[in-house]
Protein backbone atom coordinates (compact mmCIF):
# COMPACT_ATOMS: atom_id res chain seq x y z
CA MET A 1 3.95 2.39 37.32
CA LYS A 2 6.50 3.85 34.87
CA ARG A 3 6.80 0.39 33.17
CA PHE A 4 3.09 0.14 33.00
CA LYS A 5 2.80 3.61 31.35
CA GLU A 6 5.43 2.86 28.79
CA LYS A 7 3.60 -0.52 27.81
CA MET A 8 0.35 1.51 27.54
CA ASN A 9 1.88 4.27 25.39
CA ARG A 10 3.29 1.59 23.07
CA PHE A 11 -0.08 -0.33 22.84
CA LEU A 12 -1.91 2.95 22.18
CA LYS A 13 0.54 3.89 19.42
CA LYS A 14 0.00 0.50 17.79
CA VAL A 15 -3.94 1.00 17.96
CA THR A 16 -3.53 4.50 16.43
CA ASN A 17 -1.48 3.33 13.66
CA PHE A 18 -3.93 0.40 12.99
CA LEU A 19 -6.82 2.84 12.86
CA GLU A 20 -4.90 5.23 10.54
CA MET A 21 -4.04 2.32 8.21
CA SER A 22 -7.70 1.27 8.20
CA LEU A 23 -9.09 4.69 7.54
CA PHE A 24 -6.39 5.85 5.28
CA PRO A 25 -4.84 3.06 3.39
CA ALA A 26 -1.06 3.21 2.83
CA ASP A 27 -1.31 2.60 -0.97
CA MET A 28 -3.01 5.99 -1.34
CA LYS A 29 -0.63 8.16 0.52
CA CYS A 30 2.78 9.64 -0.41
CA ALA A 31 5.56 7.67 1.38
CA PHE A 32 7.24 10.93 2.56
CA CYS A 33 4.52 13.20 3.61
CA ASP A 34 1.12 11.26 3.65
CA ARG A 35 -0.49 13.39 0.90
CA ASP A 36 -2.79 11.50 -1.47
CA VAL A 37 -1.01 10.35 -4.64
CA PRO A 38 -2.80 9.30 -7.87
CA ASP A 39 -0.60 6.51 -8.99
CA PHE A 40 0.99 4.99 -5.94
CA GLU A 41 2.05 1.92 -7.70
CA ASN A 42 4.44 3.55 -9.93
CA ASN A 43 5.14 6.91 -8.04
CA PRO A 44 4.64 6.50 -4.31
CA PHE A 45 5.48 10.05 -3.61
CA CYS A 46 3.73 13.39 -4.41
CA ASP A 47 5.20 15.89 -6.78
CA SER A 48 6.39 18.18 -4.11
CA CYS A 49 8.29 15.47 -2.29
CA GLU A 50 9.77 14.16 -5.47
CA LYS A 51 11.59 17.56 -5.89
CA GLU A 52 12.99 17.24 -2.38
CA ILE A 53 13.88 13.46 -2.31
CA THR A 54 17.65 12.97 -2.51
CA PHE A 55 18.21 9.80 -4.67
CA ASN A 56 21.62 8.15 -4.46
CA ASN A 57 22.06 8.24 -8.22
CA GLY A 58 25.00 10.70 -8.59
CA ASN A 59 28.70 9.98 -8.42
CA ARG A 60 29.12 7.36 -5.58
CA CYS A 61 31.60 4.70 -4.28
CA LEU A 62 31.38 1.66 -6.52
CA ILE A 63 31.81 -0.47 -3.47
CA CYS A 64 29.90 1.03 -0.41
CA GLY A 65 27.60 3.42 -2.22
CA GLU A 66 28.64 6.57 -0.33
CA PRO A 67 28.08 9.74 -2.33
CA ILE A 68 31.23 11.36 -3.63
CA ASP A 69 31.73 14.97 -4.33
CA ASN A 70 34.76 14.57 -6.66
CA GLU A 71 35.36 12.44 -9.67
CA ALA A 72 36.73 9.35 -7.74
CA VAL A 73 34.85 6.02 -8.34
CA VAL A 74 35.84 4.57 -5.00
CA CYS A 75 35.71 6.33 -1.62
CA ASN A 76 38.86 7.05 0.35
CA PHE A 77 37.86 4.49 3.02
CA CYS A 78 37.24 1.74 0.66
CA GLN A 79 40.41 2.43 -1.19
CA LYS A 80 42.45 2.38 2.06
CA HIS A 81 40.90 -0.47 3.93
CA GLY A 82 38.62 -2.39 1.55
CA ARG A 83 35.37 -4.00 2.48
CA SER A 84 34.17 -7.60 3.14
CA PHE A 85 31.26 -7.18 0.79
CA LYS A 86 31.45 -6.68 -3.02
CA LYS A 87 29.04 -3.94 -3.45
CA ALA A 88 26.36 -2.03 -1.49
CA ILE A 89 23.12 -0.81 -3.16
CA CYS A 90 21.33 2.09 -1.58
CA PRO A 91 18.70 4.03 -3.65
CA PHE A 92 18.53 7.11 -1.39
CA VAL A 93 20.80 9.46 0.51
CA TYR A 94 19.89 9.44 4.14
CA SER A 95 18.83 13.13 4.55
CA GLY A 96 15.81 15.35 4.62
CA LYS A 97 12.50 13.66 3.97
CA VAL A 98 14.01 10.25 3.38
CA ARG A 99 15.52 10.41 6.81
CA THR A 100 12.18 11.48 8.36
CA SER A 101 10.39 8.66 6.46
CA VAL A 102 12.85 5.95 7.48
CA LEU A 103 12.67 6.98 11.13
CA ALA A 104 8.87 6.82 10.99
CA PHE A 105 9.11 3.37 9.46
CA LYS A 106 11.51 2.38 12.31
CA ASP A 107 10.22 4.14 15.34
CA SER A 108 6.54 5.09 14.54
CA ASN A 109 5.47 1.61 13.52
CA LYS A 110 4.79 2.57 9.87
CA ARG A 111 5.53 -0.96 8.73
CA TYR A 112 3.67 -0.52 5.42
CA LEU A 113 6.67 1.53 4.30
CA ALA A 114 8.63 -1.57 4.06
CA LYS A 115 6.76 -2.39 0.82
CA VAL A 116 7.62 1.01 -0.67
CA PHE A 117 11.33 1.05 0.32
CA ALA A 118 11.74 -2.68 -0.94
CA LYS A 119 10.51 -1.72 -4.26
CA PHE A 120 13.07 1.02 -4.65
CA ILE A 121 15.81 -1.40 -3.49
CA TYR A 122 14.44 -4.03 -5.94
CA ASP A 123 14.72 -1.46 -8.91
CA ALA A 124 18.31 -0.43 -7.89
CA ILE A 125 19.42 -4.08 -7.68
CA LYS A 126 17.94 -4.87 -11.13
CA SER A 127 19.54 -1.58 -12.49
CA GLU A 128 22.99 -2.71 -11.25
CA GLY A 129 22.58 -6.22 -12.40
CA ILE A 130 23.12 -7.75 -9.05
CA GLU A 131 22.25 -11.54 -8.80
CA PHE A 132 21.98 -13.50 -5.70
CA ASN A 133 20.53 -16.87 -4.57
CA ARG A 134 20.30 -16.30 -0.73
CA LEU A 135 18.79 -13.38 1.17
CA THR A 136 19.35 -12.34 4.81
CA TYR A 137 19.23 -9.33 7.06
CA ILE A 138 20.88 -7.65 10.00
CA PRO A 139 19.16 -9.00 13.15
CA LEU A 140 18.01 -7.14 16.38
CA THR A 141 18.49 -8.69 19.83
CA VAL A 142 15.53 -10.48 21.17
CA LYS A 143 14.97 -7.71 23.72
CA LYS A 144 15.13 -4.90 21.12
CA LYS A 145 12.77 -6.76 18.67
CA LYS A 146 10.30 -7.45 21.40
CA LYS A 147 10.31 -3.66 22.49
CA ARG A 148 9.88 -2.41 18.89
CA GLY A 149 7.51 -5.05 17.82
CA PHE A 150 9.38 -5.89 14.65
CA ASN A 151 12.67 -5.85 12.90
CA GLN A 152 12.78 -3.27 10.07
CA ALA A 153 15.49 -5.02 8.15
CA GLU A 154 13.65 -8.29 8.41
CA LEU A 155 10.44 -6.63 7.01
CA LEU A 156 12.41 -5.19 4.03
CA ALA A 157 14.00 -8.57 3.39
CA LYS A 158 10.48 -10.28 3.43
CA GLU A 159 9.14 -7.66 0.89
CA LEU A 160 12.23 -7.75 -1.32
CA GLY A 161 12.14 -11.62 -1.15
CA ASN A 162 8.52 -11.46 -2.46
CA LEU A 163 9.74 -9.51 -5.44
CA MET A 164 12.74 -11.53 -6.09
CA LYS A 165 11.25 -14.86 -5.28
CA VAL A 166 13.89 -15.62 -2.73
CA SER A 167 12.88 -16.56 0.79
CA PRO A 168 14.77 -14.57 3.55
CA GLU A 169 17.00 -16.64 6.03
CA ASN A 170 18.12 -15.77 9.43
CA MET A 171 21.86 -16.07 9.10
CA PHE A 172 23.12 -13.80 12.01
CA ILE A 173 22.31 -13.52 15.75
CA LYS A 174 22.81 -10.31 17.58
CA THR A 175 23.89 -11.16 21.10
CA LYS A 176 23.99 -7.76 22.82
CA ASP A 177 23.08 -4.07 22.32
CA VAL A 178 25.41 -1.05 22.71
CA LYS A 179 24.92 2.57 23.42
CA ALA A 180 24.25 4.79 20.44
CA GLN A 181 27.31 5.13 18.24
CA LYS A 182 26.46 8.28 16.35
CA PHE A 183 29.85 9.93 17.00
CA SER A 184 32.02 6.80 16.90
CA SER A 185 34.45 6.22 14.08
CA PHE A 186 34.43 3.16 11.83
CA GLN A 187 37.14 1.43 13.97
CA GLU A 188 35.30 2.02 17.25
CA ARG A 189 32.08 0.71 15.81
CA HIS A 190 33.86 -2.30 14.38
CA ASP A 191 35.54 -3.03 17.75
CA ASN A 192 32.21 -2.82 19.50
CA MET A 193 30.83 -5.50 17.29
CA ILE A 194 33.25 -8.15 18.06
CA GLY A 195 30.99 -10.78 19.64
CA MET A 196 27.86 -8.76 19.13
CA TYR A 197 26.96 -10.60 15.82
CA ILE A 198 27.57 -14.31 15.37
CA LEU A 199 26.63 -16.63 12.60
CA ALA A 200 23.49 -18.73 13.14
CA ASP A 201 23.43 -22.48 12.50
CA VAL A 202 23.42 -22.16 8.72
CA LYS A 203 25.37 -23.92 6.07
CA PHE A 204 26.96 -22.21 3.17
CA LYS A 205 28.21 -23.31 -0.29
CA ASN A 206 31.18 -21.56 -2.00
CA SER A 207 28.98 -20.88 -4.91
CA ASP A 208 26.45 -18.82 -2.90
CA ASN A 209 25.84 -15.13 -3.64
CA ILE A 210 24.45 -13.56 -0.47
CA LEU A 211 22.45 -10.32 -0.16
CA ILE A 212 22.36 -8.83 3.32
CA ILE A 213 19.62 -6.22 3.94
CA ASP A 214 19.87 -3.32 6.50
CA ASP A 215 17.81 -0.22 6.81
CA ILE A 216 20.43 2.49 6.51
CA ILE A 217 24.18 2.33 6.06
CA THR A 218 26.16 5.05 8.13
CA THR A 219 29.77 3.98 8.33
CA GLY A 220 29.24 0.63 6.89
CA ALA A 221 30.84 -1.04 10.00
CA THR A 222 27.73 -3.31 10.77
CA VAL A 223 27.17 -4.84 7.42
CA ASP A 224 30.99 -5.02 7.02
CA TYR A 225 31.36 -7.01 10.11
CA CYS A 226 28.54 -9.42 9.21
CA SER A 227 29.79 -9.84 5.67
CA MET A 228 33.24 -10.71 7.26
CA LEU A 229 31.48 -13.54 9.24
CA CYS A 230 30.56 -15.39 6.03
CA ALA A 231 32.55 -13.90 3.20
CA LYS A 232 35.15 -16.61 3.09
CA LYS A 233 32.49 -19.34 2.87
CA VAL A 234 30.71 -18.03 -0.16
CA ALA A 235 31.36 -16.63 -3.58
CA ASN A 236 30.10 -13.02 -3.02
CA VAL A 237 28.35 -10.99 -0.35
CA TYR A 238 26.28 -7.81 -1.39
CA ILE A 239 24.61 -5.36 0.77
CA ALA A 240 21.21 -3.43 0.24
CA ALA A 241 19.74 -0.72 2.24
CA ILE A 242 17.15 2.12 1.89
CA ALA A 243 19.69 4.91 2.26
CA ARG A 244 23.42 5.69 2.54
CA ASN A 245 24.55 8.32 4.86
CA LYS A 246 27.00 10.87 3.41
CA LEU A 247 29.73 11.03 6.11
CA LYS A 248 30.86 14.60 7.10
CA GLU A 249 33.89 13.46 8.82
CA LYS A 250 36.55 10.75 8.58
CA VAL A 251 35.47 7.43 9.74
CA ASP A 252 38.91 5.74 10.13
CA SER A 253 40.22 8.34 12.62
């Protein structure tokens, strides 16, 4: 009975979201508060939200994109340990209304936000002059994708691929899920990933420049691990996500 109720709740949520999208088209609503906006194509947010959105355009790590409070150009972690990827692009800081909107995208089936977020990622990539010829994304397990109904990183990759004229590929397989790692250090997260992600049956060229898409970057352990799986087989690995979390504590402890 409990399982039946859970399935019904998911079904009803999907129906509700479909009706909302039919009656109130996404391309008329602010991506962060659902107010009407006059020029969604150029500004998909209202004036009020624009003042509250935290763009990741201040001083930030040149490698992982983490916001930095001092004058350093590379964060302490990247200086100390390095990364398997060359650069991460994240247009937003994961806080406030950005966080709420990303969670709605992932957990409340607001799939239309993929197009909005992909446009911001696209603009950031163009601004940074990043060039790549292959596009992929962080996968979910089959079980998790079936439960959610979609993979948010895959949707972002598809929308970005449309803008960049590059078709996304499934380069990685996630073999298992683990418990939430909210309070885990980078090393703990990295250790948990051993065997969790593996390379799919895909061929690489040493001239390839690969862009890996994720929804958010917290410690960077997931994207770093997946980058490590293919970094030695290609020229460069780049990362892009909607937002970068500003860490409040050391991640290498």
